[in-house]
Structure formats: C-alpha cells, structure tokens
Amino acid sequence: MQSNRDIDVKAFIDERPISTFQWLLVALCFLVVTADGVDVAIMGFLAPAIIQEWGISRPAFGLVMSAAPIGLVIGALVAGPSADRFGRRKVLIASVFLFGIFTILTAYTTSPASMALLRLLSGIGLGAAMPNTTTLLSEYAPTRKRSLLITVMFTGFNLGSALVGFAAAALIPTHGWRTVLLLGGAFPLVLVPVLVWLLPESARLLTVQGKSRPRIAALLNRVCGARFTGQENFVSNEPPMASRTPIGMLFSQGFAKVTLALWVTYFMGLMVIYLLTGWLPTLMKDAGLPISTAANVTAMFQIGGTIGAIAVGWIMDRTRPAGVIGAAYLLGGVCVLAVGEAGAVSPMLALLVFSAGFFMSGAQTGLNAFAPSCYPTVARATGVSWMLGMGRFGSILGSAFGGALLGMGWGFGGILSMLAVPAALAAVAIVTTQWWNRAERQQRLEAAPGTAD
C-alpha cells in the first residue's frame, strides 16, 4: 500500500470484507461473554439448594443475590475509564482472571456473609469484562454488520446462563451445588491464556491516542489482513470533544440526554431480567415443581434470549435500531405478563418463558450493540461501561426486591405481572434516544466536521 498517506482506520475497517481474524475476535469475545453469563446467572440456579442446606430465609439470602450486582457496578464504573486510558485488552484479560478465581473460592464458603463477599469480588471482574468485549468488538466490526456481530457475541451470555441451568439440574442432585461453582470458575481461568495469546488491542484507540505508526500498522495487518508498511498516517476523523475526560464527555453538550436515556433503559431492562431469572426457580419450587424442572424452565428464558438477540441484531442493521429495541422491550413486557397470568403449573409455561426471553433479553442485547455507536472512541469504553454500571442498579433492585416480595407473601402471578411496568418504561426510554441522538448529532456536526462514530 502507498505510504505517507492518511488512513482513516474506521473507514478502512468499514470498507473491507470481514477477515478470518475478525471472526476469531468475535469467537473470543463470545467465549468471554459465555463465561460471564455462567457466573452472573449461577446463584439463581443454586439458591434453592443453598437455602435448604444452610437453613436460611429467602430475604436473608437476598444479600448474597445482590452482592454480585453491586460488584458489577463497581467493576463497570472502574473498567471504562481504565480501558479508555490503558487499553481494552489489558483490562479485559485481568477481569476474566478475577471473576474466575473468586467464583472457585465461592465454592468453599460456609456462610452467607463470606459467600456475599466473594460474590462481590467476582462481580467486580464480571462488571469489567462485558463493556470491554462490547467496545473492542465494536471497534473492529464494520458498521454494516456491527449490530449483528455484537448481538451474536452477546448470545454467549444467554448460552452461558442456560448451560449453567442445565448443569445445575444435572449436578446438584448427585454432586451438590459447590460442584457447579467449581465448574463456573474453571471455564474463565482456562480462557485466560488463550486471550493473552490472541486478543488484540483496539487499533482505533491506539490511533486517537497517537501511538506509533508501525504498531498500528502491524495490528491492522494482523487483524484485517492489510499490507501497511508502518509509514502511513493513521487518523480518526472524529470531532474535538467538549471535555478532556471520558467521564466529563458523557455529560457534555451533545451526549448528556442520550447518556441518561441509555441508563434508564438499561436499568429497567436489568431489573426485569434479574428478578425473573434470579427468583423464578424459587417461585416455581414454591408452587410445587421439582428443582430440576424449575431450573430447566428458567433456562428456556436464556435460550429464547439467544435466538432473540440474533433476530434483533439482524433487524437493527437494516432499520432504526432504537425503534427495534423499543418494540422488543414492549413485547417482552407482554410475554412476562402472560407468564404471570398463566401460573407456574401451566402447560404453556416453558413456551411463555422462552418468548419472554426472546424479546426481553433480545432487547437488552440489542441495547449493548446500540450503545457504542452513541460515543466517540476516546470515551467509548466509558460510555458503554457506565451505562452497564448505572443500569446494574436495576439488577441489584431486582435481585433484592424479589426476596423482599417473597418475604411479604407475594406469589408467582403478582411478582411476574408487576414486571410488565419496567419493561414498558424501558421501551419508552430507548425510543427517546432516537430523537435526542439525532438532535445532538446535528449539534456536533455544526460544531465540527465528522461524526461521533
């Protein structure tokens, strides 16, 4: 290729076919998110067995259930700015190592307090992993396929959550709940050396940071199959930012309203998903179903979410993504309401739970694919991770609220029907980003040439 010429890294990636290494990157991020899904969902499947073995109340176990989401908030809020400063690769590998180690240690706990502490530490690693896989993949995925590739990656989360459900159903009756935790922690630890060997840094981040030309050239040659010499001038045609810090940029002119709308949407979506998946096995057990049946039916939510995520991502690449996500949230709320109305012993329960997962989890995954496009490279990891971090308060509320409602005597139908309200609020909030994003993008265009992405 000709040397001493300007190369817009984003435009270069957009114009080329997807390389073999880019597909490998999708696979690596998929495996990380699968491991994340296993460890995030694991306590919901283990809760009935642990409560029975330790002889504790459901509200008391709510402390354990809410510990990991608190850690997810901490991890997400710290990981974004760290990744925008030190790189996506380092932070991602460290996070996978941390949640693997602490999940294994959780298997050896003997009290709710020690289990809650280790779940908090596991959550910090989990919270740092997901936003960095999203950001890294979004910066190597061509725009025409970005939503689909990111949602395909995120199906790993649903797959991991489903797999741990099936593992719990198979292992708990014969080997106990601790075996499931050991399995959940071993998976990410096996993955760490593979990531060290293969995972690339973001070429777009290195470009905006002004790193050396040969380093960026070598990275693009490896990932995209280019033939740069290292003498090219790599550029990122993005407008100057109003704030010099990534966190400050989230609230600067042109980003503040979109940032708040993303937070509200993610909060409401996670509240529904965490309460549903975290407490549904217990609700079904209370209704008289065996633990194995409860685990298998709950796993249908994750299977539905896996298929729904791919469908939502595919449609997002072909039309207005915010509208697609909003419609999916609304339909998800309808399906959750139908689950509550049908009851735990309904012969349609598995199908209804599958449908709820298809739309609710599909919408939530689509939101993860949509968020990176709302922010520039210098603050993309911060924007995505802070959306996840602030939204995680919804998962904390959902996890704790479920235990509180059970303690107050709420039943299957009442709890599930109530979840239709936050699902509808999520639909409204994400649709507003379409209006605000258009207006604020115009403000940035008037201030400087280029786009935010």
Protein backbone atom coordinates (compact mmCIF):
# COMPACT_ATOMS: atom_id res chain seq x y z
CA MET A 1 0.00 0.00 0.00
CA GLN A 2 1.08 3.58 -0.63
CA SER A 3 2.99 5.15 2.27
CA ASN A 4 2.74 8.66 3.72
CA ARG A 5 -0.97 8.98 3.15
CA ASP A 6 -3.86 9.44 5.55
CA ILE A 7 -5.69 6.24 6.52
CA ASP A 8 -8.99 6.67 8.38
CA VAL A 9 -8.96 3.50 10.48
CA LYS A 10 -12.75 3.27 10.88
CA ALA A 11 -13.37 3.83 7.17
CA PHE A 12 -10.69 1.27 6.33
CA ILE A 13 -12.37 -1.37 8.52
CA ASP A 14 -15.82 -0.49 7.12
CA GLU A 15 -14.73 -0.84 3.51
CA ARG A 16 -13.08 -4.26 3.78
CA PRO A 17 -14.61 -7.74 3.97
CA ILE A 18 -14.58 -9.29 7.41
CA SER A 19 -11.28 -11.15 7.82
CA THR A 20 -10.67 -14.55 9.39
CA PHE A 21 -9.05 -12.89 12.40
CA GLN A 22 -12.04 -10.60 12.89
CA TRP A 23 -14.24 -13.70 13.03
CA LEU A 24 -11.76 -15.13 15.54
CA LEU A 25 -12.17 -11.96 17.61
CA VAL A 26 -15.94 -12.48 17.57
CA ALA A 27 -15.37 -16.03 18.83
CA LEU A 28 -13.00 -14.91 21.60
CA CYS A 29 -15.42 -12.24 22.81
CA PHE A 30 -18.25 -14.77 22.57
CA LEU A 31 -16.37 -17.13 24.89
CA VAL A 32 -15.69 -14.34 27.40
CA VAL A 33 -19.35 -13.36 27.43
CA THR A 34 -20.35 -17.03 27.78
CA ALA A 35 -18.16 -17.33 30.86
CA ASP A 36 -19.66 -14.08 32.11
CA GLY A 37 -23.18 -15.44 31.60
CA VAL A 38 -22.36 -18.60 33.53
CA ASP A 39 -21.08 -16.75 36.58
CA VAL A 40 -23.70 -13.99 36.59
CA ALA A 41 -26.64 -16.42 36.48
CA ILE A 42 -25.16 -19.16 38.63
CA MET A 43 -26.57 -18.12 42.02
CA GLY A 44 -30.16 -18.04 40.77
CA PHE A 45 -29.96 -21.76 39.99
CA LEU A 46 -28.09 -22.60 43.22
CA ALA A 47 -30.28 -20.52 45.55
CA PRO A 48 -32.93 -23.18 46.36
CA ALA A 49 -30.30 -25.81 47.24
CA ILE A 50 -28.18 -23.40 49.32
CA ILE A 51 -31.20 -22.03 51.19
CA GLN A 52 -32.29 -25.57 52.02
CA GLU A 53 -28.81 -26.77 53.07
CA TRP A 54 -27.99 -23.73 55.24
CA GLY A 55 -31.49 -23.34 56.62
CA ILE A 56 -31.72 -19.58 55.98
CA SER A 57 -34.63 -17.42 54.90
CA ARG A 58 -35.10 -16.18 51.36
CA PRO A 59 -34.81 -12.48 52.38
CA ALA A 60 -31.53 -13.32 54.16
CA PHE A 61 -30.17 -14.93 51.00
CA GLY A 62 -31.09 -11.75 49.14
CA LEU A 63 -27.78 -10.33 50.46
CA VAL A 64 -25.90 -12.99 48.51
CA MET A 65 -28.04 -12.47 45.42
CA SER A 66 -27.42 -8.72 45.40
CA ALA A 67 -23.65 -8.90 46.14
CA ALA A 68 -22.55 -9.77 42.59
CA PRO A 69 -24.65 -6.99 41.01
CA ILE A 70 -23.02 -4.49 43.39
CA GLY A 71 -19.63 -5.76 42.25
CA LEU A 72 -20.79 -5.47 38.64
CA VAL A 73 -21.48 -1.77 39.22
CA ILE A 74 -18.04 -1.19 40.74
CA GLY A 75 -16.30 -3.16 38.01
CA ALA A 76 -18.13 -1.38 35.21
CA LEU A 77 -17.55 2.13 36.58
CA VAL A 78 -13.83 1.48 37.04
CA ALA A 79 -13.24 -0.54 33.88
CA GLY A 80 -14.48 2.00 31.36
CA PRO A 81 -12.15 4.90 32.20
CA SER A 82 -9.31 2.40 32.75
CA ALA A 83 -9.83 0.83 29.34
CA ASP A 84 -10.00 4.23 27.62
CA ARG A 85 -6.67 5.08 29.24
CA PHE A 86 -4.71 1.82 29.38
CA GLY A 87 -6.36 -0.20 26.60
CA ARG A 88 -9.22 -2.64 26.20
CA ARG A 89 -7.01 -5.74 26.09
CA LYS A 90 -5.29 -5.43 29.50
CA VAL A 91 -8.46 -4.61 31.40
CA LEU A 92 -10.41 -7.41 29.72
CA ILE A 93 -7.85 -10.14 30.46
CA ALA A 94 -7.49 -9.02 34.10
CA SER A 95 -11.26 -9.04 34.58
CA VAL A 96 -11.67 -12.59 33.26
CA PHE A 97 -8.94 -13.82 35.60
CA LEU A 98 -10.53 -12.14 38.62
CA PHE A 99 -14.03 -13.50 38.24
CA GLY A 100 -12.72 -17.00 37.56
CA ILE A 101 -10.61 -17.09 40.74
CA PHE A 102 -13.30 -15.69 43.04
CA THR A 103 -16.01 -17.97 41.66
CA ILE A 104 -13.89 -21.01 42.51
CA LEU A 105 -13.27 -19.65 46.02
CA THR A 106 -17.02 -19.17 46.47
CA ALA A 107 -17.44 -22.95 46.26
CA TYR A 108 -15.62 -23.30 49.59
CA THR A 109 -17.69 -20.81 51.60
CA THR A 110 -19.66 -21.90 54.66
CA SER A 111 -21.74 -18.83 55.49
CA PRO A 112 -23.91 -16.24 53.70
CA ALA A 113 -21.53 -13.42 54.74
CA SER A 114 -18.41 -15.00 53.23
CA MET A 115 -20.35 -16.02 50.13
CA ALA A 116 -21.64 -12.47 49.69
CA LEU A 117 -18.10 -11.05 49.96
CA LEU A 118 -16.71 -13.41 47.33
CA ARG A 119 -19.67 -12.79 45.04
CA LEU A 120 -18.96 -9.06 45.38
CA LEU A 121 -15.35 -9.61 44.28
CA SER A 122 -16.45 -11.90 41.46
CA GLY A 123 -18.88 -9.22 40.36
CA ILE A 124 -16.10 -6.64 40.02
CA GLY A 125 -14.37 -8.85 37.47
CA LEU A 126 -17.65 -9.62 35.73
CA GLY A 127 -18.55 -5.94 35.55
CA ALA A 128 -15.27 -5.08 33.87
CA ALA A 129 -15.44 -7.83 31.25
CA MET A 130 -18.66 -7.19 29.38
CA PRO A 131 -18.23 -3.49 28.46
CA ASN A 132 -14.74 -4.15 27.16
CA THR A 133 -15.77 -7.04 24.93
CA THR A 134 -18.53 -4.80 23.55
CA THR A 135 -16.20 -1.88 22.97
CA LEU A 136 -13.35 -3.90 21.48
CA LEU A 137 -15.58 -5.78 19.06
CA SER A 138 -17.47 -2.62 18.04
CA GLU A 139 -14.15 -1.02 17.07
CA TYR A 140 -13.21 -3.89 14.77
CA ALA A 141 -16.68 -4.64 13.35
CA PRO A 142 -17.66 -2.89 10.10
CA THR A 143 -20.67 -0.62 10.58
CA ARG A 144 -22.82 -2.59 8.13
CA LYS A 145 -22.57 -5.71 10.34
CA ARG A 146 -21.81 -4.24 13.74
CA SER A 147 -25.18 -4.78 15.46
CA LEU A 148 -25.43 -8.37 14.25
CA LEU A 149 -21.86 -9.26 15.27
CA ILE A 150 -22.22 -7.72 18.72
CA THR A 151 -25.57 -9.40 19.35
CA VAL A 152 -24.13 -12.71 18.18
CA MET A 153 -21.33 -12.17 20.69
CA PHE A 154 -23.87 -11.46 23.41
CA THR A 155 -25.75 -14.65 22.73
CA GLY A 156 -22.84 -16.18 24.60
CA PHE A 157 -24.26 -14.61 27.77
CA ASN A 158 -27.63 -16.27 27.27
CA LEU A 159 -25.98 -19.52 26.27
CA GLY A 160 -23.78 -19.46 29.37
CA SER A 161 -26.77 -18.75 31.59
CA ALA A 162 -28.71 -21.61 30.00
CA LEU A 163 -25.79 -24.03 30.22
CA VAL A 164 -25.29 -23.38 33.92
CA GLY A 165 -29.01 -24.01 34.41
CA PHE A 166 -28.76 -27.40 32.75
CA ALA A 167 -25.53 -28.11 34.66
CA ALA A 168 -27.22 -27.22 37.95
CA ALA A 169 -30.15 -29.51 37.16
CA ALA A 170 -27.75 -32.37 36.41
CA LEU A 171 -25.11 -31.85 39.12
CA ILE A 172 -26.93 -30.59 42.22
CA PRO A 173 -28.92 -33.80 42.92
CA THR A 174 -25.82 -36.02 42.70
CA HIS A 175 -22.76 -33.81 43.39
CA GLY A 176 -24.11 -30.76 45.22
CA TRP A 177 -24.17 -27.05 44.43
CA ARG A 178 -20.45 -26.49 45.13
CA THR A 179 -19.52 -28.53 42.04
CA VAL A 180 -21.43 -26.09 39.86
CA LEU A 181 -19.39 -23.17 41.23
CA LEU A 182 -16.12 -25.01 40.61
CA LEU A 183 -17.15 -25.63 37.02
CA GLY A 184 -18.23 -22.00 36.58
CA GLY A 185 -14.87 -20.70 37.81
CA ALA A 186 -12.70 -23.13 35.85
CA PHE A 187 -14.06 -22.03 32.48
CA PRO A 188 -12.76 -18.41 32.57
CA LEU A 189 -9.40 -19.48 34.00
CA VAL A 190 -8.86 -21.85 31.08
CA LEU A 191 -9.76 -18.98 28.76
CA VAL A 192 -7.16 -16.53 30.15
CA PRO A 193 -4.02 -17.92 28.41
CA VAL A 194 -5.92 -18.05 25.11
CA LEU A 195 -6.78 -14.36 25.47
CA VAL A 196 -3.19 -13.47 26.34
CA TRP A 197 -2.04 -15.19 23.16
CA LEU A 198 -4.65 -13.98 20.68
CA LEU A 199 -6.58 -10.93 21.87
CA PRO A 200 -5.60 -7.71 20.01
CA GLU A 201 -5.69 -4.13 21.25
CA SER A 202 -8.05 -1.67 19.56
CA ALA A 203 -6.40 -0.04 16.54
CA ARG A 204 -8.91 2.81 16.70
CA LEU A 205 -7.97 3.54 20.32
CA LEU A 206 -4.25 3.47 19.53
CA THR A 207 -4.91 5.90 16.67
CA VAL A 208 -6.69 8.51 18.79
CA GLN A 209 -4.01 8.09 21.48
CA GLY A 210 -1.32 8.90 18.91
CA LYS A 211 0.60 5.65 19.25
CA SER A 212 3.34 4.72 16.80
CA ARG A 213 2.51 4.11 13.15
CA PRO A 214 4.35 0.76 12.93
CA ARG A 215 2.39 -0.58 15.92
CA ILE A 216 -0.97 0.37 14.40
CA ALA A 217 0.09 -0.94 11.00
CA ALA A 218 1.16 -4.29 12.44
CA LEU A 219 -2.13 -4.58 14.30
CA LEU A 220 -4.25 -3.85 11.23
CA ASN A 221 -2.15 -6.22 9.14
CA ARG A 222 -2.74 -8.98 11.69
CA VAL A 223 -6.45 -8.40 12.34
CA CYS A 224 -7.71 -7.13 8.97
CA GLY A 225 -5.24 -8.78 6.60
CA ALA A 226 -3.88 -5.40 5.44
CA ARG A 227 -0.44 -4.74 3.98
CA PHE A 228 0.60 -1.49 5.61
CA THR A 229 4.28 -0.61 5.84
CA GLY A 230 4.08 1.47 9.01
CA GLN A 231 4.80 4.73 7.17
CA GLU A 232 1.11 5.59 6.69
CA ASN A 233 -0.54 8.36 8.70
CA PHE A 234 -3.36 6.71 10.64
CA VAL A 235 -6.18 9.10 11.58
CA SER A 236 -9.60 9.09 13.21
CA ASN A 237 -11.99 11.61 11.69
CA GLU A 238 -13.89 12.48 14.85
CA PRO A 239 -14.74 15.99 16.04
CA PRO A 240 -12.98 17.52 19.07
CA MET A 241 -14.70 16.79 22.37
CA ALA A 242 -16.08 19.41 24.74
CA SER A 243 -14.47 17.63 27.71
CA ARG A 244 -10.96 16.25 28.01
CA THR A 245 -12.02 13.44 30.36
CA PRO A 246 -14.13 10.47 29.22
CA ILE A 247 -16.49 10.79 32.20
CA GLY A 248 -16.96 14.52 31.65
CA MET A 249 -17.67 13.88 27.98
CA LEU A 250 -20.71 11.75 28.85
CA PHE A 251 -22.44 14.86 30.19
CA SER A 252 -21.11 17.40 27.72
CA GLN A 253 -23.28 19.07 25.11
CA GLY A 254 -24.36 16.52 22.54
CA PHE A 255 -24.23 13.47 24.82
CA ALA A 256 -25.98 14.16 28.15
CA LYS A 257 -29.59 13.33 27.22
CA VAL A 258 -28.64 10.20 25.31
CA THR A 259 -26.48 9.08 28.22
CA LEU A 260 -29.36 9.43 30.70
CA ALA A 261 -31.81 7.67 28.35
CA LEU A 262 -29.43 4.73 27.94
CA TRP A 263 -29.04 4.47 31.71
CA VAL A 264 -32.81 4.40 32.30
CA THR A 265 -33.35 1.79 29.60
CA TYR A 266 -30.62 -0.49 30.85
CA PHE A 267 -31.79 -0.08 34.47
CA MET A 268 -35.37 -1.09 33.68
CA GLY A 269 -34.36 -3.99 31.46
CA LEU A 270 -31.98 -5.48 34.01
CA MET A 271 -34.50 -5.13 36.82
CA VAL A 272 -36.91 -7.33 34.88
CA ILE A 273 -34.30 -9.86 33.77
CA TYR A 274 -32.58 -10.28 37.14
CA LEU A 275 -35.75 -10.61 39.17
CA LEU A 276 -37.14 -13.08 36.67
CA THR A 277 -34.08 -15.29 36.24
CA GLY A 278 -32.86 -14.92 39.83
CA TRP A 279 -36.10 -15.87 41.58
CA LEU A 280 -38.11 -17.84 39.01
CA PRO A 281 -36.62 -21.21 40.11
CA THR A 282 -37.58 -20.48 43.72
CA LEU A 283 -41.07 -19.29 42.73
CA MET A 284 -41.67 -22.47 40.75
CA LYS A 285 -40.32 -24.64 43.57
CA ASP A 286 -42.73 -22.93 45.98
CA ALA A 287 -45.53 -23.73 43.53
CA GLY A 288 -44.70 -27.43 43.85
CA LEU A 289 -42.36 -28.07 40.91
CA PRO A 290 -39.10 -30.03 41.40
CA ILE A 291 -35.86 -28.02 41.45
CA SER A 292 -34.65 -29.74 38.26
CA THR A 293 -37.86 -28.76 36.42
CA ALA A 294 -37.63 -25.20 37.72
CA ALA A 295 -34.03 -24.90 36.53
CA ASN A 296 -34.83 -26.31 33.10
CA VAL A 297 -37.82 -24.00 32.58
CA THR A 298 -35.80 -20.94 33.67
CA ALA A 299 -33.08 -21.94 31.21
CA MET A 300 -35.66 -21.54 28.45
CA PHE A 301 -35.55 -17.79 29.09
CA GLN A 302 -31.87 -17.78 28.16
CA ILE A 303 -32.39 -19.97 25.10
CA GLY A 304 -35.13 -17.62 23.91
CA GLY A 305 -32.82 -14.69 24.54
CA THR A 306 -30.08 -16.28 22.44
CA ILE A 307 -32.34 -16.56 19.41
CA GLY A 308 -33.98 -13.19 20.06
CA ALA A 309 -30.64 -11.39 20.25
CA ILE A 310 -29.62 -12.57 16.79
CA ALA A 311 -33.00 -11.58 15.35
CA VAL A 312 -32.90 -8.13 16.98
CA GLY A 313 -29.31 -7.50 15.82
CA TRP A 314 -30.10 -8.55 12.27
CA ILE A 315 -33.07 -6.17 12.10
CA MET A 316 -31.09 -3.34 13.76
CA ASP A 317 -28.57 -3.36 10.90
CA ARG A 318 -31.42 -2.81 8.44
CA THR A 319 -33.57 -0.16 10.09
CA ARG A 320 -33.67 2.29 13.01
CA PRO A 321 -32.11 0.39 15.91
CA ALA A 322 -33.76 2.33 18.76
CA GLY A 323 -37.24 1.54 17.41
CA VAL A 324 -36.38 -2.15 17.06
CA ILE A 325 -35.13 -2.33 20.65
CA GLY A 326 -38.16 -0.44 21.96
CA ALA A 327 -40.59 -2.80 20.23
CA ALA A 328 -38.75 -5.81 21.65
CA TYR A 329 -38.95 -4.43 25.21
CA LEU A 330 -42.67 -3.79 24.82
CA LEU A 331 -43.36 -7.30 23.53
CA GLY A 332 -41.16 -8.71 26.27
CA GLY A 333 -43.32 -7.00 28.88
CA VAL A 334 -46.44 -8.54 27.33
CA CYS A 335 -44.86 -12.01 27.48
CA VAL A 336 -43.76 -11.59 31.11
CA LEU A 337 -47.31 -10.53 31.96
CA ALA A 338 -48.57 -13.67 30.21
CA VAL A 339 -46.23 -15.83 32.30
CA GLY A 340 -47.68 -14.34 35.48
CA GLU A 341 -51.26 -14.81 34.30
CA ALA A 342 -50.69 -18.42 33.20
CA GLY A 343 -49.20 -19.56 36.50
CA ALA A 344 -46.37 -21.93 37.42
CA VAL A 345 -48.27 -25.13 36.63
CA SER A 346 -49.42 -24.05 33.17
CA PRO A 347 -48.52 -26.49 30.36
CA MET A 348 -47.59 -23.38 28.33
CA LEU A 349 -45.08 -22.16 30.95
CA ALA A 350 -41.90 -23.20 29.11
CA LEU A 351 -43.09 -21.63 25.84
CA LEU A 352 -44.10 -18.38 27.56
CA VAL A 353 -40.77 -18.15 29.40
CA PHE A 354 -38.99 -18.79 26.10
CA SER A 355 -40.98 -15.97 24.46
CA ALA A 356 -40.26 -13.58 27.32
CA GLY A 357 -36.55 -14.31 26.93
CA PHE A 358 -36.73 -13.88 23.16
CA PHE A 359 -37.98 -10.31 23.45
CA MET A 360 -36.64 -9.06 26.81
CA SER A 361 -33.15 -10.50 26.55
CA GLY A 362 -33.09 -9.80 22.82
CA ALA A 363 -33.84 -6.13 23.52
CA GLN A 364 -31.21 -5.93 26.27
CA THR A 365 -28.58 -7.43 23.99
CA GLY A 366 -29.57 -5.08 21.20
CA LEU A 367 -29.04 -2.16 23.59
CA ASN A 368 -25.47 -3.34 24.18
CA ALA A 369 -24.91 -3.27 20.42
CA PHE A 370 -26.52 0.15 20.06
CA ALA A 371 -24.65 1.98 22.85
CA PRO A 372 -21.12 2.02 21.33
CA SER A 373 -22.39 3.98 18.32
CA CYS A 374 -23.50 6.78 20.64
CA TYR A 375 -19.95 7.68 21.78
CA PRO A 376 -16.58 8.59 20.21
CA THR A 377 -13.51 6.35 20.50
CA VAL A 378 -11.82 8.35 23.27
CA ALA A 379 -14.74 7.69 25.63
CA ARG A 380 -16.50 4.69 24.11
CA ALA A 381 -15.49 2.21 26.81
CA THR A 382 -16.50 4.72 29.48
CA GLY A 383 -19.87 5.37 27.83
CA VAL A 384 -20.67 1.69 27.44
CA SER A 385 -19.37 0.65 30.86
CA TRP A 386 -21.12 3.46 32.71
CA MET A 387 -24.37 2.54 31.01
CA LEU A 388 -23.85 -1.00 32.23
CA GLY A 389 -22.74 0.20 35.66
CA MET A 390 -25.63 2.56 36.29
CA GLY A 391 -28.05 0.10 34.77
CA ARG A 392 -26.77 -2.56 37.15
CA PHE A 393 -28.58 -0.80 39.96
CA GLY A 394 -31.64 -2.26 38.27
CA SER A 395 -30.21 -5.74 38.69
CA ILE A 396 -29.47 -5.01 42.35
CA LEU A 397 -33.01 -3.81 42.88
CA GLY A 398 -34.43 -6.77 41.00
CA SER A 399 -32.39 -9.30 42.99
CA ALA A 400 -33.17 -7.77 46.38
CA PHE A 401 -36.76 -6.86 45.52
CA GLY A 402 -37.60 -10.43 44.61
CA GLY A 403 -36.55 -11.69 48.04
CA ALA A 404 -38.43 -8.86 49.76
CA LEU A 405 -41.64 -9.56 47.84
CA LEU A 406 -41.43 -13.27 48.67
CA GLY A 407 -40.95 -12.36 52.32
CA MET A 408 -44.09 -10.21 52.15
CA GLY A 409 -46.09 -13.13 50.80
CA TRP A 410 -46.28 -12.15 47.13
CA GLY A 411 -46.89 -15.09 44.83
CA PHE A 412 -45.90 -16.16 41.35
CA GLY A 413 -48.58 -14.24 39.47
CA GLY A 414 -48.25 -10.96 41.37
CA ILE A 415 -44.47 -10.70 41.06
CA LEU A 416 -44.39 -11.60 37.36
CA SER A 417 -47.26 -9.28 36.43
CA MET A 418 -45.57 -6.34 38.16
CA LEU A 419 -42.54 -6.70 35.87
CA ALA A 420 -44.52 -5.57 32.82
CA VAL A 421 -44.30 -1.96 34.08
CA PRO A 422 -40.48 -1.52 33.97
CA ALA A 423 -40.42 -3.33 30.60
CA ALA A 424 -42.75 -0.69 29.17
CA LEU A 425 -40.68 2.13 30.70
CA ALA A 426 -37.55 0.68 29.04
CA ALA A 427 -39.34 0.77 25.68
CA VAL A 428 -40.23 4.44 26.10
CA ALA A 429 -36.74 5.46 27.25
CA ILE A 430 -34.87 3.82 24.35
CA VAL A 431 -37.17 5.35 21.74
CA THR A 432 -36.36 8.83 23.08
CA THR A 433 -32.69 8.26 22.25
CA GLN A 434 -33.63 8.24 18.58
CA TRP A 435 -34.91 11.81 18.83
CA TRP A 436 -32.18 13.10 21.13
CA ASN A 437 -29.38 11.35 19.28
CA ARG A 438 -30.48 12.97 16.03
CA ALA A 439 -30.62 16.47 17.56
CA GLU A 440 -27.37 16.15 19.46
CA ARG A 441 -25.55 14.63 16.49
CA GLN A 442 -26.60 17.70 14.49
CA GLN A 443 -25.13 19.93 17.20
CA ARG A 444 -21.81 18.10 16.94
CA LEU A 445 -21.83 18.34 13.15
CA GLU A 446 -22.41 22.09 13.37
CA ALA A 447 -19.54 22.40 15.87
CA ALA A 448 -17.02 20.40 13.82
CA PRO A 449 -16.85 18.11 10.75
CA GLY A 450 -17.08 14.37 11.16
CA THR A 451 -19.26 12.14 13.26
CA ALA A 452 -19.07 10.68 16.75
CA ASP A 453 -18.50 7.22 15.45
